[in-house]
Protein backbone atom coordinates (compact mmCIF):
# COMPACT_ATOMS: atom_id res chain seq x y z
CA MET A 1 62.86 124.69 68.33
CA LYS A 2 59.37 124.95 67.13
CA GLU A 3 56.17 123.27 68.33
CA ARG A 4 52.56 123.19 67.05
CA ASN A 5 49.56 124.73 68.68
CA LYS A 6 46.09 123.06 68.60
CA LYS A 7 45.42 124.45 65.12
CA GLY A 8 48.61 123.03 63.76
CA ARG A 9 50.35 126.37 63.41
CA HIS A 10 54.12 126.53 64.30
CA LEU A 11 55.00 128.39 67.53
CA GLN A 12 58.40 129.65 68.36
CA GLN A 13 59.44 128.03 71.71
CA ARG A 14 60.64 130.74 74.10
CA GLU A 15 64.15 130.69 75.29
CA PRO A 16 64.53 131.02 79.14
CA HIS A 17 64.80 134.65 80.12
CA THR A 18 68.25 135.42 81.51
CA GLU A 19 69.36 138.37 83.70
CA GLN A 20 72.87 139.89 83.54
CA ALA A 21 74.14 141.88 86.36
CA GLU A 22 77.13 142.95 88.28
CA VAL A 23 76.48 142.28 92.13
CA ARG A 24 78.33 142.69 95.35
CA ILE A 25 78.64 139.66 97.76
CA ALA A 26 77.37 140.78 101.04
CA GLU A 27 77.72 137.68 103.16
CA LEU A 28 78.10 133.85 103.11
CA ASP A 29 75.09 131.56 103.69
CA GLU A 30 75.27 128.55 105.95
CA ASN A 31 76.55 126.61 103.03
CA GLY A 32 79.46 128.78 102.44
CA GLN A 33 78.03 130.35 99.18
CA GLY A 34 78.13 133.92 98.52
CA ILE A 35 74.87 135.85 98.81
CA ALA A 36 73.87 138.70 96.38
CA VAL A 37 70.59 140.38 95.51
CA VAL A 38 69.30 140.38 91.98
CA LYS A 39 65.88 141.80 91.27
CA ARG A 40 65.20 142.10 95.03
CA GLN A 41 65.79 138.35 95.31
CA LYS A 42 68.57 136.68 97.24
CA VAL A 43 70.86 134.51 94.98
CA ALA A 44 73.49 132.11 96.22
CA ILE A 45 76.79 132.07 94.28
CA LYS A 46 79.41 129.39 94.66
CA ASN A 47 83.09 130.28 95.07
CA ALA A 48 82.23 133.89 95.93
CA LEU A 49 83.29 135.75 99.07
CA PRO A 50 82.04 138.84 100.91
CA ASP A 51 83.08 142.28 99.42
CA GLU A 52 83.73 140.65 95.97
CA THR A 53 82.00 142.02 92.95
CA VAL A 54 80.94 139.45 90.38
CA ARG A 55 79.27 139.53 86.97
CA ILE A 56 76.63 137.00 86.72
CA LYS A 57 74.28 135.59 84.06
CA ALA A 58 71.21 134.07 85.71
CA ARG A 59 67.76 132.64 84.85
CA LYS A 60 64.68 132.00 86.80
CA GLY A 61 64.15 128.27 87.84
CA LYS A 62 61.38 126.68 89.78
CA ALA A 63 63.34 126.99 93.10
CA GLY A 64 64.71 130.53 92.35
CA MET A 65 67.44 132.06 90.29
CA ILE A 66 69.95 129.79 88.62
CA ILE A 67 73.43 131.01 88.05
CA GLU A 68 74.67 130.08 84.56
CA THR A 69 78.01 131.98 84.62
CA MET A 70 79.95 133.93 87.07
CA GLU A 71 83.08 136.25 86.54
CA ARG A 72 84.87 137.72 89.49
CA LEU A 73 85.74 141.32 89.03
CA ASN A 74 87.75 141.71 92.24
CA GLU A 75 89.06 139.48 95.05
CA SER A 76 88.35 139.54 98.73
CA ASP A 77 91.15 140.12 101.19
CA VAL A 78 90.31 136.76 102.81
CA ARG A 79 90.57 134.77 99.50
CA CYS A 80 93.49 132.23 99.35
CA LYS A 81 94.92 130.14 96.54
CA VAL A 82 93.08 126.81 96.08
CA ASN A 83 95.35 123.86 95.19
CA CYS A 84 92.49 121.51 94.28
CA ALA A 85 91.66 120.68 90.65
CA ILE A 86 88.01 119.83 91.51
CA PHE A 87 87.19 122.45 94.17
CA GLU A 88 84.51 124.13 91.98
CA ARG A 89 82.60 120.94 91.20
CA CYS A 90 83.22 118.82 94.37
CA GLY A 91 80.68 119.29 97.21
CA SER A 92 82.97 118.60 100.01
CA CYS A 93 85.33 121.62 100.83
CA HIS A 94 82.96 124.71 100.98
CA LEU A 95 85.59 127.02 102.36
CA LEU A 96 88.91 125.93 100.85
CA HIS A 97 89.10 129.35 99.03
CA MET A 98 88.98 131.35 102.40
CA GLU A 99 91.95 131.91 104.75
CA TYR A 100 91.76 129.53 107.71
CA GLN A 101 91.64 132.15 110.50
CA LYS A 102 88.85 133.83 108.68
CA GLN A 103 87.01 130.45 108.40
CA LEU A 104 87.23 130.13 112.24
CA GLU A 105 85.81 133.69 112.66
CA TRP A 106 83.02 132.98 110.22
CA LYS A 107 82.07 129.74 112.08
CA LYS A 108 82.02 131.58 115.43
CA GLN A 109 79.80 134.40 114.00
CA GLY A 110 77.44 131.77 112.58
CA VAL A 111 76.87 130.31 115.98
CA ILE A 112 76.43 133.74 117.57
CA LYS A 113 73.76 134.45 114.92
CA LEU A 114 71.98 131.07 115.79
CA LEU A 115 71.82 131.93 119.49
CA ARG A 116 70.61 135.45 118.69
CA GLU A 117 67.83 134.24 116.36
CA ALA A 118 66.80 131.67 118.95
CA GLY A 119 66.56 134.36 121.65
CA LEU A 120 69.13 132.58 123.84
CA LYS A 121 70.88 135.35 125.72
CA GLY A 122 73.78 135.37 128.19
CA ILE A 123 75.75 132.67 126.36
CA THR A 124 79.40 133.43 125.60
CA VAL A 125 80.67 131.88 122.31
CA HIS A 126 84.36 131.19 122.76
CA ASP A 127 86.85 131.48 119.83
CA PRO A 128 87.09 128.15 117.94
CA VAL A 129 90.04 125.85 118.76
CA GLY A 130 91.58 125.33 115.31
CA MET A 131 94.40 123.25 113.73
CA LYS A 132 97.96 124.33 113.01
CA GLU A 133 97.76 122.45 109.76
CA PRO A 134 94.16 122.16 108.68
CA TYR A 135 94.73 119.49 106.07
CA ALA A 136 95.18 115.66 105.75
CA TYR A 137 93.04 115.24 108.88
CA ARG A 138 90.31 112.73 107.68
CA ASN A 139 90.72 109.29 108.90
CA LYS A 140 87.53 108.06 107.12
CA VAL A 141 86.92 108.39 103.33
CA ILE A 142 84.00 107.22 101.31
CA ILE A 143 84.35 107.02 97.48
CA GLY A 144 81.65 106.42 94.78
CA PHE A 145 82.13 104.84 91.46
CA GLN A 146 80.58 105.59 88.00
CA LYS A 147 81.17 104.94 84.33
CA ASN A 148 82.23 108.05 82.46
CA ARG A 149 81.38 108.84 78.77
CA ALA A 150 84.33 106.78 77.63
CA ARG A 151 82.81 103.74 79.63
CA LYS A 152 85.83 103.85 81.97
CA THR A 153 85.14 103.50 85.72
CA ILE A 154 85.98 106.65 87.76
CA ALA A 155 86.09 107.04 91.48
CA GLY A 156 85.40 110.18 93.39
CA PHE A 157 82.96 112.36 95.37
CA TYR A 158 79.61 113.39 94.46
CA GLU A 159 79.09 116.74 92.78
CA GLU A 160 77.06 119.01 95.09
CA GLU A 161 73.28 118.42 94.87
CA SER A 162 73.66 115.65 92.22
CA HIS A 163 74.39 112.09 91.72
CA ARG A 164 77.23 112.65 89.45
CA ILE A 165 80.74 111.50 90.51
CA VAL A 166 83.61 113.98 90.10
CA ALA A 167 86.72 112.06 89.10
CA PHE A 168 89.06 111.90 92.01
CA HIS A 169 92.31 113.91 92.35
CA ASP A 170 94.44 113.91 95.46
CA CYS A 171 92.25 115.21 98.34
CA LEU A 172 93.77 117.75 100.52
CA LEU A 173 91.73 116.66 103.57
CA GLN A 174 93.00 113.06 103.27
CA ASP A 175 96.29 111.57 104.27
CA ALA A 176 98.80 110.18 101.63
CA LYS A 177 97.89 106.61 102.17
CA SER A 178 94.19 107.19 101.73
CA ASN A 179 94.77 109.08 98.59
CA GLU A 180 97.06 106.28 97.22
CA LEU A 181 94.51 103.67 97.99
CA VAL A 182 91.72 105.50 95.95
CA ARG A 183 94.08 105.64 92.89
CA VAL A 184 95.13 102.06 93.21
CA ILE A 185 91.65 100.70 93.69
CA THR A 186 90.36 102.67 90.81
CA GLU A 187 93.11 101.16 88.58
CA LEU A 188 92.49 97.66 89.74
CA VAL A 189 88.68 97.91 89.26
CA ASN A 190 89.32 98.98 85.64
CA GLU A 191 91.94 96.30 85.12
CA MET A 192 89.60 93.60 86.44
CA HIS A 193 86.46 94.97 84.83
CA ILE A 194 84.45 95.06 88.07
CA ALA A 195 81.27 96.85 87.24
CA PRO A 196 80.24 99.90 89.29
CA TYR A 197 76.71 100.12 90.61
CA GLU A 198 74.17 101.84 88.28
CA GLU A 199 71.66 103.53 90.52
CA ASP A 200 68.83 103.82 87.88
CA ARG A 201 69.04 100.18 86.66
CA ARG A 202 70.13 98.81 90.08
CA SER A 203 72.76 96.74 88.35
CA GLY A 204 76.54 96.39 88.65
CA VAL A 205 78.60 95.31 91.63
CA LEU A 206 80.59 98.04 93.30
CA ARG A 207 78.73 100.77 95.09
CA HIS A 208 81.28 102.41 97.26
CA VAL A 209 84.63 102.00 98.96
CA LEU A 210 85.15 103.01 102.60
CA ILE A 211 88.60 103.58 103.91
CA ARG A 212 89.32 103.96 107.64
CA ARG A 213 92.76 104.80 109.09
CA GLY A 214 94.08 104.75 112.58
CA PHE A 215 96.25 107.72 112.61
CA ALA A 216 97.93 106.78 115.90
CA SER A 217 98.24 102.99 115.13
CA ASP A 218 98.79 103.38 111.42
CA GLN A 219 96.30 100.58 110.76
CA THR A 220 94.17 100.68 107.55
CA MET A 221 90.84 99.28 106.77
CA VAL A 222 89.36 98.95 103.20
CA VAL A 223 85.66 98.13 102.84
CA PHE A 224 84.15 97.21 99.40
CA VAL A 225 80.43 98.00 99.45
CA THR A 226 78.80 95.76 96.87
CA ASN A 227 75.26 95.44 95.40
CA THR A 228 75.51 91.59 95.44
CA SER A 229 76.70 89.05 98.02
CA MET A 230 78.67 87.29 95.17
CA PHE A 231 81.81 89.34 94.52
CA ALA A 232 83.38 87.72 91.57
CA GLY A 233 87.17 88.30 91.35
CA SER A 234 87.44 89.42 95.02
CA LYS A 235 90.30 87.08 95.79
CA ASN A 236 92.40 88.50 92.97
CA LEU A 237 91.37 92.02 93.88
CA VAL A 238 92.43 91.45 97.45
CA THR A 239 95.75 89.85 96.45
CA ALA A 240 96.65 92.70 94.01
CA LEU A 241 95.52 95.36 96.45
CA ARG A 242 97.67 93.98 99.25
CA LYS A 243 100.73 93.64 96.90
CA ARG A 244 100.30 97.31 95.82
CA CYS A 245 99.53 98.59 99.37
CA PRO A 246 101.02 96.25 101.91
CA TYR A 247 100.14 98.56 104.93
CA ILE A 248 96.50 97.46 104.61
CA THR A 249 95.53 95.73 107.90
CA THR A 250 91.99 94.31 106.96
CA ILE A 251 89.71 94.16 103.97
CA VAL A 252 85.86 93.70 104.29
CA GLN A 253 83.07 93.19 101.86
CA ASN A 254 79.88 95.01 102.93
CA ILE A 255 76.71 93.94 101.12
CA ASN A 256 74.02 96.63 100.48
CA THR A 257 71.29 95.52 98.05
CA ARG A 258 68.79 98.24 99.18
CA LYS A 259 67.64 101.11 97.05
CA THR A 260 69.05 103.76 99.39
CA SER A 261 71.52 106.63 99.71
CA ILE A 262 72.78 104.92 103.06
CA VAL A 263 76.24 103.68 102.23
CA LEU A 264 76.66 100.51 104.35
CA GLY A 265 74.25 97.50 104.45
CA GLU A 266 73.88 94.99 107.38
CA GLN A 267 75.79 92.01 106.05
CA GLU A 268 79.54 91.72 106.10
CA LYS A 269 82.25 89.25 104.94
CA VAL A 270 85.90 89.51 106.07
CA LEU A 271 88.11 89.08 102.97
CA PHE A 272 91.44 89.66 104.85
CA GLY A 273 92.52 90.29 108.32
CA LYS A 274 90.37 90.59 111.47
CA GLY A 275 87.64 92.71 109.96
CA TYR A 276 88.41 95.68 112.24
CA ILE A 277 91.38 98.05 113.07
CA GLU A 278 92.42 99.61 116.33
CA ASP A 279 93.60 103.14 117.08
CA VAL A 280 94.85 104.95 120.24
CA LEU A 281 92.88 107.99 121.40
CA CYS A 282 93.39 109.71 124.73
CA GLY A 283 95.80 107.04 125.83
CA LEU A 284 93.36 104.20 125.30
CA ARG A 285 93.22 101.56 122.59
CA PHE A 286 89.92 101.31 120.52
CA ARG A 287 88.55 98.54 118.24
CA ILE A 288 86.85 100.20 115.13
CA SER A 289 84.57 98.15 112.84
CA PRO A 290 83.25 99.34 109.53
CA LYS A 291 79.88 100.71 110.85
CA SER A 292 81.28 102.05 114.15
CA PHE A 293 81.32 105.81 114.76
CA TYR A 294 84.79 107.22 115.39
CA GLN A 295 85.58 110.88 115.15
CA ILE A 296 87.10 111.79 111.80
CA ASN A 297 89.71 114.31 113.09
CA HIS A 298 91.96 112.44 115.61
CA GLU A 299 94.12 115.50 116.71
CA GLN A 300 91.06 117.60 117.39
CA CYS A 301 88.95 114.91 118.92
CA GLU A 302 91.51 114.56 121.85
CA LYS A 303 91.15 118.29 122.46
CA LEU A 304 87.43 118.09 122.48
CA TYR A 305 87.30 115.14 124.74
CA ALA A 306 89.69 116.92 127.22
CA LYS A 307 87.25 119.76 127.33
CA ALA A 308 84.33 117.31 127.89
CA LYS A 309 86.10 115.94 130.88
CA GLU A 310 86.84 119.40 132.29
CA LEU A 311 83.20 120.37 131.98
CA ALA A 312 81.83 117.07 133.34
CA GLN A 313 83.82 117.59 136.54
CA PRO A 314 84.43 113.91 137.40
CA ALA A 315 83.79 112.83 140.98
CA CYS A 316 84.59 109.37 142.54
CA ASP A 317 81.19 109.34 144.29
CA GLU A 318 79.03 110.14 141.16
CA ILE A 319 77.64 108.13 138.24
CA LEU A 320 78.17 109.13 134.57
CA LEU A 321 75.77 108.12 131.73
CA ASP A 322 77.35 108.49 128.26
CA ALA A 323 74.27 108.65 125.85
CA TYR A 324 74.82 107.96 122.13
CA CYS A 325 78.13 106.38 123.30
CA GLY A 326 79.15 104.63 120.00
CA ILE A 327 82.17 102.62 120.72
CA GLY A 328 82.66 104.14 124.11
CA THR A 329 85.37 106.67 123.38
CA ILE A 330 83.99 109.49 125.59
CA GLY A 331 82.97 107.46 128.63
CA MET A 332 86.24 105.45 128.67
CA SER A 333 88.36 108.51 128.15
CA MET A 334 87.33 109.76 131.65
CA ALA A 335 86.10 106.52 133.27
CA LYS A 336 88.76 106.20 135.91
CA GLU A 337 87.50 109.30 137.87
CA TRP A 338 83.92 108.15 138.33
CA LYS A 339 82.13 105.71 140.62
CA ALA A 340 80.56 104.12 137.59
CA VAL A 341 80.03 104.79 133.98
CA TYR A 342 77.07 103.64 131.71
CA GLY A 343 77.13 103.86 127.94
CA VAL A 344 73.90 103.56 125.86
CA GLU A 345 73.95 102.95 122.17
CA VAL A 346 71.45 101.72 119.74
CA ASN A 347 73.96 100.36 117.13
CA ARG A 348 74.69 96.69 117.98
CA ASP A 349 78.05 96.74 116.25
CA ALA A 350 79.17 99.79 118.13
CA VAL A 351 78.17 98.18 121.47
CA ARG A 352 80.06 95.02 120.61
CA ASP A 353 83.07 97.18 119.89
CA ALA A 354 82.52 99.18 123.09
CA LYS A 355 82.48 96.09 125.39
CA SER A 356 85.64 94.82 123.55
CA ASN A 357 87.23 98.15 124.20
CA ALA A 358 86.52 98.11 127.88
CA LEU A 359 88.18 94.68 128.22
CA ARG A 360 91.08 95.87 126.04
CA ASN A 361 91.73 98.81 128.34
CA LYS A 362 90.95 96.95 131.57
CA ILE A 363 88.10 99.24 132.61
CA ASP A 364 85.90 97.11 134.74
CA HIS A 365 83.48 99.75 136.21
CA ILE A 366 81.80 100.77 132.80
CA THR A 367 78.66 99.04 131.45
CA PHE A 368 77.34 99.25 127.91
CA ILE A 369 73.64 98.71 127.03
CA CYS A 370 72.35 98.39 123.56
CA GLU A 371 69.12 100.33 123.63
CA ASP A 372 67.48 103.59 122.54
CA ALA A 373 68.80 106.24 124.91
CA GLY A 374 65.52 107.88 125.55
CA ARG A 375 63.81 104.62 126.39
CA PHE A 376 66.65 103.64 128.68
CA LEU A 377 66.42 106.92 130.61
CA THR A 378 62.66 106.72 130.84
CA ASP A 379 62.58 103.16 132.11
CA THR A 380 65.39 103.68 134.56
CA ALA A 381 63.84 106.85 136.01
CA LYS A 382 60.64 104.91 136.74
CA ARG A 383 62.76 102.54 138.79
CA GLY A 384 64.32 105.46 140.81
CA TRP A 385 67.77 105.30 139.11
CA GLN A 386 69.28 108.45 137.92
CA PRO A 387 72.86 109.50 136.72
CA ASP A 388 74.62 112.40 138.24
CA VAL A 389 76.05 113.56 135.01
CA LEU A 390 74.86 113.02 131.42
CA ILE A 391 77.12 113.35 128.34
CA MET A 392 75.15 113.49 125.16
CA ASP A 393 76.74 113.47 121.60
CA PRO A 394 73.91 112.89 119.15
CA SER A 395 74.02 112.76 115.35
CA ARG A 396 73.64 115.93 113.23
CA ALA A 397 69.81 115.67 113.61
CA GLY A 398 70.26 116.37 117.41
CA SER A 399 68.09 114.85 120.10
CA ASP A 400 64.36 114.35 119.82
CA LEU A 401 61.63 115.40 122.28
CA THR A 402 61.28 111.80 123.70
CA PHE A 403 64.91 111.78 124.79
CA LEU A 404 64.79 115.32 126.11
CA ARG A 405 61.68 114.51 128.12
CA ALA A 406 63.34 111.42 129.49
CA VAL A 407 66.18 113.68 130.56
CA ASN A 408 63.63 115.70 132.52
CA LYS A 409 62.51 112.53 134.28
CA ALA A 410 66.06 111.47 135.14
CA LYS A 411 67.11 114.93 136.35
CA PRO A 412 70.96 114.64 136.05
CA LYS A 413 72.78 117.47 137.87
CA ARG A 414 74.91 118.38 134.97
CA ILE A 415 74.65 117.75 131.26
CA VAL A 416 77.68 117.90 128.80
CA TYR A 417 76.24 118.41 125.29
CA ILE A 418 78.58 117.78 122.32
CA SER A 419 77.25 118.55 118.92
CA CYS A 420 78.37 118.38 115.30
CA ASN A 421 75.58 120.64 114.25
CA PRO A 422 75.16 123.92 116.27
CA LYS A 423 71.77 124.59 114.58
CA THR A 424 70.09 121.50 116.19
CA GLN A 425 72.13 121.94 119.41
CA VAL A 426 70.69 125.58 119.71
CA ARG A 427 67.15 124.12 119.12
CA ASP A 428 67.77 121.50 121.93
CA LEU A 429 69.17 124.13 124.20
CA LEU A 430 65.94 126.00 124.01
CA GLU A 431 64.03 122.79 125.03
CA LEU A 432 66.48 122.07 127.84
CA ALA A 433 66.08 125.69 129.09
CA LYS A 434 62.27 124.94 129.49
CA LEU A 435 63.29 121.95 131.54
CA GLY A 436 65.46 124.01 133.97
CA TYR A 437 68.93 123.52 132.41
CA GLN A 438 71.02 126.61 131.61
CA THR A 439 74.44 127.16 130.09
CA LYS A 440 76.72 130.16 130.04
CA ASP A 441 79.46 129.16 127.68
CA LEU A 442 79.57 127.50 124.25
CA TYR A 443 83.01 126.24 123.17
CA LEU A 444 83.75 125.57 119.48
CA TYR A 445 86.36 123.06 118.13
CA ASP A 446 87.14 122.88 114.32
CA LEU A 447 87.01 119.17 113.61
CA PHE A 448 86.16 119.94 109.94
CA PRO A 449 88.54 122.63 108.61
CA ASN A 450 87.78 124.00 105.07
CA THR A 451 84.19 122.87 105.36
CA THR A 452 81.19 124.74 106.86
CA HIS A 453 80.91 122.27 109.75
CA THR A 454 82.06 122.76 113.33
CA GLU A 455 81.84 121.03 116.68
CA SER A 456 80.47 122.66 119.76
CA ILE A 457 80.29 121.72 123.37
CA CYS A 458 78.67 123.24 126.48
CA LEU A 459 77.93 122.48 130.06
CA LEU A 460 74.27 122.79 131.29
CA ASN A 461 73.50 122.95 135.04
CA ARG A 462 70.15 122.23 136.51
CA LYS A 463 68.47 125.05 138.46
CA SER A 464 68.17 124.07 142.09
């Protein structure tokens, strides 16, 4: 392509300069990508494992080197066969190409590295508790929709670092019923000409579908997330879907008209059933609404909660506070052995479910409060009330300083800290150490096999 300069002469437009090289992968970064060095610059290479040599073609971009092509010249001893047609494009399963036991070891070493870099010494990181069969464990699935070039609606997951949908194939992390539901819903959406939401134009109807499964109860929820309150053809869609998939327990329409990447909106309409499902966890029955938090991996969650109970050391003369309590699963799973249990949660829907769950399980000495956990702790500390033990299970962002300062005012004897993001947990452990809380052991539970995520839990004791 040519362009003109100010004098009208033609200039030859420069092609982007590319580098070709054979490089050895030294390690994986926190996103599970192979790291190599090109021209003294670290480059992240997808689907590459340590000790592999790859031939790459790369060019300089604004944010660093961009890999255009990659050819693997040898295979790592830890590489395994990938039985997924969209692995290299989908942004979900970062470690599907690595043997499972090696995944667990990599996750452990990652946490050890975080502690070392933070300067936290004297903490033993225990081997991760993994799964015997690390597949088909997800009880919650979110699918997006787009038109492809042939103007046919496709469903799938977002390609990594993009807004492009990768057309769905059977997902190895979902169970058979969830996979069937995605296929059937996609067929019906095309048959009934239900328009997918177009982000740029803010037009169309269907934004996402959320599927929730109760693995113990075998109950199934389908949530259609729409861009409009009017959902033309919804009755026919519900009828056809129930006929094809009679195991569905409830179908809900969630309305999200906002320009946001947040999946669920505030308003809901029940199209079929009760609008929620139930599941059994740790011997208790829980109500789960569309927006309620419920651990994705049922099998591993029970192991994690058993560890939380062990670390909390329940006592019949002590009070337990379950901060970020969600629908009350943690507090209720060990409630019988405490004098009293309090759960604090800012999500109104979750608190409603938590209260219902307490009644359902006949637990009468647990109280749920809809409030910010930090504000609750600050206010109650001023009144002289303090819990003996605090359980905290925050989001991936971890806790904030307001909450941690409130913990310092409440002064619980013991803290059980559960985290789905060891990086923010380590950050918070540094702050808690300044407040006089120390831990000696960090336990890992693999609730997210074949991804880079892991769950960690520890007990912190207050210095006397």
